[in-house]
Amino acid sequence: MLTRIVTAAILIPLVVSAVLYLPAPYFLIGLGGVVLLSLYEWFKLFIRSTKRHTVRFLIGLSGYLMGGVALMGFASAAELYHYQPGSLLFPILTLFWVAIFLWIWIGNPLKSYPAPIIINHSLDSFGLSQFFWLLTGYIVIIGFWLGLMTIRVMPNLGPIYILSLFVFVWLADSGAYFTGKKFGQTKIFPKGSPNKTLAGFVGGYISALLMAIIAFSYFKHPELFNFFEFILLASLLYLFSVYGDLFESVIKRLMGVKDSGQLLPGHGGILDRLDSLYATVPVYALILTYYFV
């Protein structure tokens, strides 16, 4: 617990400072570094290979990937900045996360767990299953990046919108963690995420609502939505944050690992820390572009 707190105490001021004070180009470049680390962790979940082959594969793939993503990202950002809405990017990403939710709850990918269900392939036998899962990870992670890029270049309040979402998710995660640890008994999804409980879910939701109430009093846009609509939107964001967390937990169970990495002491890897944001950012960007553009 102490390690977890120390890591958070170091990271939170750095993230807040980067969001509020870095010029947009530098913020987006730094965010691109986080995205590459996320892609690396996702890649390592599904491909078992030597470090040399892994590095070569990533370098070649990243070259194509970053070029295409840069074009799409800046086009998306420019589109919003010049008040030309109409992009289908964020509605599609939102539907993608709805499909993930249906896969988890209806498809029941962990029905045979804890029986061995590890997808363990090397680059020498790279096939359709790896391609599918790698593509899924790219959609999830790049969608997160494009969403933050789009929000960051929104006139005037872009950084505040990003920081508000981060605090919203952090408070929800913390509320769920401590409430579940203290009162949690009824498990929501024991095979996929055994630490998730009904009490934790409610505690996280209450924490998220408190943040939403504060945000509503700060932004004050009665011409766009009333208090009830704002709470509904906050509730939607909270549900997607849970989906993101649950999705990563299911993937780790499928791959037989506890954490996606060890980069963040007490927290695991980048994927472990950002899982909720991967799902909420595209939905949040969709809401902002719908109401404010």
Protein backbone atom coordinates (compact mmCIF):
# COMPACT_ATOMS: atom_id res chain seq x y z
CA MET A 1 0.00 0.00 0.00
CA LEU A 2 2.82 2.43 0.87
CA THR A 3 4.47 1.85 -2.50
CA ARG A 4 1.15 2.47 -4.24
CA ILE A 5 0.66 5.76 -2.39
CA VAL A 6 4.22 6.97 -3.04
CA THR A 7 3.93 6.26 -6.76
CA ALA A 8 0.60 8.10 -6.92
CA ALA A 9 2.05 11.05 -4.97
CA ILE A 10 4.79 11.38 -7.59
CA LEU A 11 2.64 10.82 -10.67
CA ILE A 12 -0.38 12.98 -9.85
CA PRO A 13 1.50 16.34 -9.66
CA LEU A 14 3.39 15.48 -12.85
CA VAL A 15 0.20 14.62 -14.73
CA VAL A 16 -1.69 17.67 -13.46
CA SER A 17 1.21 19.98 -14.39
CA ALA A 18 1.50 18.43 -17.85
CA VAL A 19 -2.23 18.81 -18.52
CA LEU A 20 -2.48 22.40 -17.31
CA TYR A 21 0.83 23.96 -18.30
CA LEU A 22 2.37 22.12 -21.25
CA PRO A 23 1.61 23.67 -24.66
CA ALA A 24 -0.58 21.42 -26.76
CA PRO A 25 2.19 20.12 -29.09
CA TYR A 26 4.41 19.07 -26.17
CA PHE A 27 1.49 17.56 -24.29
CA LEU A 28 0.52 15.50 -27.34
CA ILE A 29 4.12 14.35 -27.86
CA GLY A 30 4.38 13.28 -24.22
CA LEU A 31 1.04 11.54 -24.51
CA GLY A 32 2.37 9.77 -27.60
CA GLY A 33 5.15 8.32 -25.44
CA VAL A 34 2.58 6.97 -23.00
CA VAL A 35 0.68 5.48 -25.94
CA LEU A 36 3.78 3.69 -27.22
CA LEU A 37 4.43 2.22 -23.77
CA SER A 38 0.80 1.09 -23.65
CA LEU A 39 1.11 -0.55 -27.07
CA TYR A 40 4.31 -2.26 -25.97
CA GLU A 41 2.61 -3.72 -22.88
CA TRP A 42 -0.36 -4.86 -24.96
CA PHE A 43 1.98 -6.45 -27.50
CA LYS A 44 3.83 -8.34 -24.76
CA LEU A 45 0.56 -9.76 -23.47
CA PHE A 46 -0.13 -11.59 -26.71
CA ILE A 47 3.26 -12.31 -28.24
CA ARG A 48 5.87 -14.50 -26.58
CA SER A 49 9.19 -13.85 -28.26
CA THR A 50 12.78 -12.82 -27.68
CA LYS A 51 13.53 -9.22 -26.78
CA ARG A 52 15.41 -8.69 -30.05
CA HIS A 53 12.51 -9.89 -32.20
CA THR A 54 10.06 -7.93 -30.07
CA VAL A 55 12.00 -4.69 -30.50
CA ARG A 56 12.34 -5.20 -34.27
CA PHE A 57 8.66 -5.96 -34.65
CA LEU A 58 7.64 -2.93 -32.60
CA ILE A 59 9.96 -0.54 -34.43
CA GLY A 60 8.65 -1.58 -37.82
CA LEU A 61 5.03 -1.57 -36.71
CA SER A 62 5.31 1.71 -34.85
CA GLY A 63 6.66 3.48 -37.92
CA TYR A 64 3.56 2.69 -39.95
CA LEU A 65 1.28 3.12 -36.98
CA MET A 66 2.54 6.48 -35.80
CA GLY A 67 2.47 7.96 -39.29
CA GLY A 68 -1.13 6.97 -39.86
CA VAL A 69 -2.23 7.92 -36.37
CA ALA A 70 -0.57 11.32 -36.58
CA LEU A 71 -2.46 12.10 -39.77
CA MET A 72 -5.79 10.90 -38.35
CA GLY A 73 -5.22 12.54 -35.00
CA PHE A 74 -4.31 15.97 -36.25
CA ALA A 75 -7.06 15.84 -38.86
CA SER A 76 -9.55 15.02 -36.10
CA ALA A 77 -8.17 17.77 -33.89
CA ALA A 78 -8.20 20.32 -36.69
CA GLU A 79 -11.76 19.36 -37.54
CA LEU A 80 -12.94 20.15 -34.03
CA TYR A 81 -10.79 23.24 -33.68
CA HIS A 82 -12.28 24.81 -36.80
CA TYR A 83 -15.82 23.96 -35.70
CA GLN A 84 -16.52 21.40 -38.38
CA PRO A 85 -18.22 18.55 -36.52
CA GLY A 86 -19.46 15.42 -38.18
CA SER A 87 -16.70 12.91 -37.56
CA LEU A 88 -17.89 9.38 -36.88
CA LEU A 89 -14.74 8.53 -34.96
CA PHE A 90 -16.05 8.83 -31.41
CA PRO A 91 -19.51 7.32 -32.03
CA ILE A 92 -17.75 4.31 -33.58
CA LEU A 93 -15.34 4.02 -30.64
CA THR A 94 -18.27 4.24 -28.20
CA LEU A 95 -20.07 1.44 -30.04
CA PHE A 96 -16.84 -0.54 -29.97
CA TRP A 97 -16.84 -0.37 -26.17
CA VAL A 98 -20.50 -1.39 -26.09
CA ALA A 99 -19.49 -4.44 -28.15
CA ILE A 100 -16.75 -5.20 -25.60
CA PHE A 101 -19.34 -5.03 -22.82
CA LEU A 102 -21.60 -7.48 -24.67
CA TRP A 103 -18.65 -9.78 -25.29
CA ILE A 104 -17.81 -9.88 -21.57
CA TRP A 105 -21.33 -10.40 -20.26
CA ILE A 106 -22.95 -12.43 -23.03
CA GLY A 107 -19.97 -14.09 -24.71
CA ASN A 108 -18.60 -15.11 -21.29
CA PRO A 109 -14.95 -15.51 -22.38
CA LEU A 110 -13.96 -16.84 -18.94
CA LYS A 111 -16.53 -19.64 -18.75
CA SER A 112 -13.78 -22.27 -18.47
CA TYR A 113 -11.60 -20.26 -16.08
CA PRO A 114 -9.42 -21.21 -14.19
CA ALA A 115 -8.75 -23.93 -16.74
CA PRO A 116 -5.76 -23.05 -18.98
CA ILE A 117 -6.91 -20.65 -21.67
CA ILE A 118 -3.66 -18.82 -22.34
CA ILE A 119 -3.04 -17.65 -25.90
CA ASN A 120 0.69 -18.33 -26.12
CA HIS A 121 2.17 -17.80 -29.58
CA SER A 122 5.46 -16.59 -30.93
CA LEU A 123 6.14 -14.30 -33.84
CA ASP A 124 7.08 -17.38 -35.86
CA SER A 125 3.47 -18.57 -35.67
CA PHE A 126 1.84 -15.18 -35.91
CA GLY A 127 -1.72 -15.76 -37.05
CA LEU A 128 -5.26 -14.45 -37.13
CA SER A 129 -5.87 -14.66 -33.38
CA GLN A 130 -2.86 -12.48 -32.57
CA PHE A 131 -3.77 -10.04 -35.32
CA PHE A 132 -7.31 -9.71 -33.95
CA TRP A 133 -6.17 -9.04 -30.40
CA LEU A 134 -3.38 -6.69 -31.43
CA LEU A 135 -5.85 -4.75 -33.58
CA THR A 136 -8.27 -4.59 -30.65
CA GLY A 137 -5.54 -3.12 -28.47
CA TYR A 138 -4.62 -0.56 -31.12
CA ILE A 139 -8.23 0.57 -31.41
CA VAL A 140 -8.54 0.89 -27.63
CA ILE A 141 -5.27 2.71 -27.05
CA ILE A 142 -5.25 4.91 -30.16
CA GLY A 143 -8.89 5.83 -29.51
CA PHE A 144 -7.78 7.07 -26.09
CA TRP A 145 -5.00 9.14 -27.69
CA LEU A 146 -7.19 10.66 -30.39
CA GLY A 147 -9.84 11.52 -27.82
CA LEU A 148 -7.39 13.40 -25.60
CA MET A 149 -5.86 15.13 -28.62
CA THR A 150 -9.28 16.35 -29.72
CA ILE A 151 -10.23 17.56 -26.24
CA ARG A 152 -6.85 19.24 -25.66
CA VAL A 153 -7.22 21.57 -28.66
CA MET A 154 -10.73 22.68 -27.74
CA PRO A 155 -10.63 26.45 -27.28
CA ASN A 156 -10.16 27.85 -23.76
CA LEU A 157 -11.13 24.93 -21.54
CA GLY A 158 -9.47 21.94 -23.20
CA PRO A 159 -6.97 21.28 -20.37
CA ILE A 160 -9.67 21.79 -17.73
CA TYR A 161 -11.93 19.26 -19.44
CA ILE A 162 -9.10 16.71 -19.48
CA LEU A 163 -8.17 17.30 -15.85
CA SER A 164 -11.83 17.07 -14.81
CA LEU A 165 -12.12 13.64 -16.43
CA PHE A 166 -8.88 12.44 -14.83
CA VAL A 167 -10.05 13.53 -11.38
CA PHE A 168 -13.46 11.98 -12.03
CA VAL A 169 -11.90 8.59 -12.84
CA TRP A 170 -9.32 8.80 -10.04
CA LEU A 171 -11.98 9.54 -7.44
CA ALA A 172 -14.21 6.77 -8.78
CA ASP A 173 -11.34 4.27 -8.66
CA SER A 174 -10.30 5.34 -5.17
CA GLY A 175 -13.88 5.29 -3.87
CA ALA A 176 -14.42 1.82 -5.32
CA TYR A 177 -11.11 0.53 -3.95
CA PHE A 178 -11.51 1.72 -0.36
CA THR A 179 -15.24 1.02 -0.11
CA GLY A 180 -14.80 -2.45 -1.54
CA LYS A 181 -11.90 -3.17 0.78
CA LYS A 182 -13.91 -2.11 3.82
CA PHE A 183 -17.43 -3.34 3.01
CA GLY A 184 -17.14 -5.53 -0.07
CA GLN A 185 -18.65 -9.00 0.18
CA THR A 186 -20.87 -9.58 -2.86
CA LYS A 187 -18.62 -10.03 -5.89
CA ILE A 188 -19.82 -8.68 -9.25
CA PHE A 189 -17.65 -10.71 -11.62
CA PRO A 190 -15.52 -13.15 -9.59
CA LYS A 191 -13.86 -14.88 -12.54
CA GLY A 192 -12.90 -11.75 -14.39
CA SER A 193 -12.16 -9.37 -11.53
CA PRO A 194 -12.41 -11.05 -8.11
CA ASN A 195 -11.76 -7.82 -6.21
CA LYS A 196 -14.75 -6.04 -7.73
CA THR A 197 -17.70 -5.98 -5.33
CA LEU A 198 -21.15 -4.43 -5.26
CA ALA A 199 -20.12 -2.19 -2.35
CA GLY A 200 -17.08 -1.02 -4.29
CA PHE A 201 -19.20 -0.31 -7.34
CA VAL A 202 -21.59 1.83 -5.28
CA GLY A 203 -18.74 3.58 -3.46
CA GLY A 204 -17.07 4.44 -6.74
CA TYR A 205 -20.35 5.70 -8.16
CA ILE A 206 -20.96 7.98 -5.17
CA SER A 207 -17.43 9.38 -5.46
CA ALA A 208 -17.93 9.98 -9.18
CA LEU A 209 -21.25 11.75 -8.56
CA LEU A 210 -19.63 14.06 -6.01
CA MET A 211 -17.06 15.06 -8.62
CA ALA A 212 -19.83 15.54 -11.18
CA ILE A 213 -21.75 17.87 -8.84
CA ILE A 214 -18.62 19.96 -8.29
CA ALA A 215 -17.97 20.07 -12.04
CA PHE A 216 -21.56 21.12 -12.75
CA SER A 217 -21.31 24.04 -10.33
CA TYR A 218 -17.98 25.06 -11.93
CA PHE A 219 -18.84 24.88 -15.64
CA LYS A 220 -22.48 26.06 -15.42
CA HIS A 221 -23.89 25.51 -18.90
CA PRO A 222 -27.66 25.63 -18.31
CA GLU A 223 -28.23 26.38 -21.99
CA LEU A 224 -26.71 22.98 -22.85
CA PHE A 225 -28.00 20.63 -20.15
CA ASN A 226 -29.73 20.75 -16.78
CA PHE A 227 -28.51 19.12 -13.58
CA PHE A 228 -30.39 15.88 -14.18
CA GLU A 229 -28.91 15.48 -17.67
CA PHE A 230 -25.44 16.20 -16.33
CA ILE A 231 -25.80 13.46 -13.70
CA LEU A 232 -26.98 11.03 -16.39
CA LEU A 233 -23.90 11.81 -18.48
CA ALA A 234 -21.67 11.36 -15.41
CA SER A 235 -23.34 8.01 -14.70
CA LEU A 236 -22.68 6.93 -18.29
CA LEU A 237 -19.01 7.86 -17.96
CA TYR A 238 -18.76 5.92 -14.72
CA LEU A 239 -20.20 2.80 -16.34
CA PHE A 240 -17.69 3.02 -19.18
CA SER A 241 -14.85 3.46 -16.68
CA VAL A 242 -15.94 0.18 -15.08
CA TYR A 243 -16.07 -1.45 -18.54
CA GLY A 244 -12.50 -0.38 -19.24
CA ASP A 245 -11.24 -1.75 -15.92
CA LEU A 246 -13.16 -4.98 -16.36
CA PHE A 247 -11.98 -5.47 -19.95
CA GLU A 248 -8.33 -5.28 -18.95
CA SER A 249 -8.94 -7.65 -16.05
CA VAL A 250 -10.53 -10.20 -18.38
CA ILE A 251 -7.65 -9.94 -20.85
CA LYS A 252 -5.11 -10.52 -18.07
CA ARG A 253 -7.06 -13.59 -16.91
CA LEU A 254 -7.10 -14.93 -20.47
CA MET A 255 -3.35 -14.43 -20.74
CA GLY A 256 -2.57 -15.79 -17.28
CA VAL A 257 -0.85 -12.65 -15.91
CA LYS A 258 -1.46 -10.53 -12.83
CA ASP A 259 -0.24 -7.17 -14.16
CA SER A 260 0.40 -5.79 -17.63
CA GLY A 261 3.85 -4.61 -16.56
CA GLN A 262 6.00 -3.38 -13.68
CA LEU A 263 6.70 0.19 -14.77
CA LEU A 264 4.63 1.77 -11.96
CA PRO A 265 5.51 0.30 -8.53
CA GLY A 266 2.38 -0.66 -6.61
CA HIS A 267 0.18 -0.14 -9.66
CA GLY A 268 1.60 -2.54 -12.25
CA GLY A 269 1.92 -1.29 -15.80
CA ILE A 270 0.58 1.57 -17.89
CA LEU A 271 -2.43 -0.52 -18.97
CA ASP A 272 -3.26 -1.25 -15.34
CA ARG A 273 -3.28 2.44 -14.50
CA LEU A 274 -5.12 3.77 -17.56
CA ASP A 275 -7.64 0.97 -18.18
CA SER A 276 -10.65 3.03 -17.07
CA LEU A 277 -9.56 6.03 -19.13
CA TYR A 278 -9.21 3.98 -22.31
CA ALA A 279 -12.98 3.49 -22.28
CA THR A 280 -14.12 6.85 -20.87
CA VAL A 281 -12.05 9.20 -23.05
CA PRO A 282 -13.78 8.40 -26.39
CA VAL A 283 -17.22 8.67 -24.75
CA TYR A 284 -16.22 11.92 -23.04
CA ALA A 285 -14.94 13.32 -26.36
CA LEU A 286 -18.21 12.32 -28.01
CA ILE A 287 -20.20 14.16 -25.32
CA LEU A 288 -18.06 17.29 -25.56
CA THR A 289 -18.12 17.45 -29.35
CA TYR A 290 -21.89 16.89 -29.38
CA TYR A 291 -22.71 19.60 -26.82
CA PHE A 292 -19.98 22.16 -27.43
CA VAL A 293 -19.39 22.12 -31.18
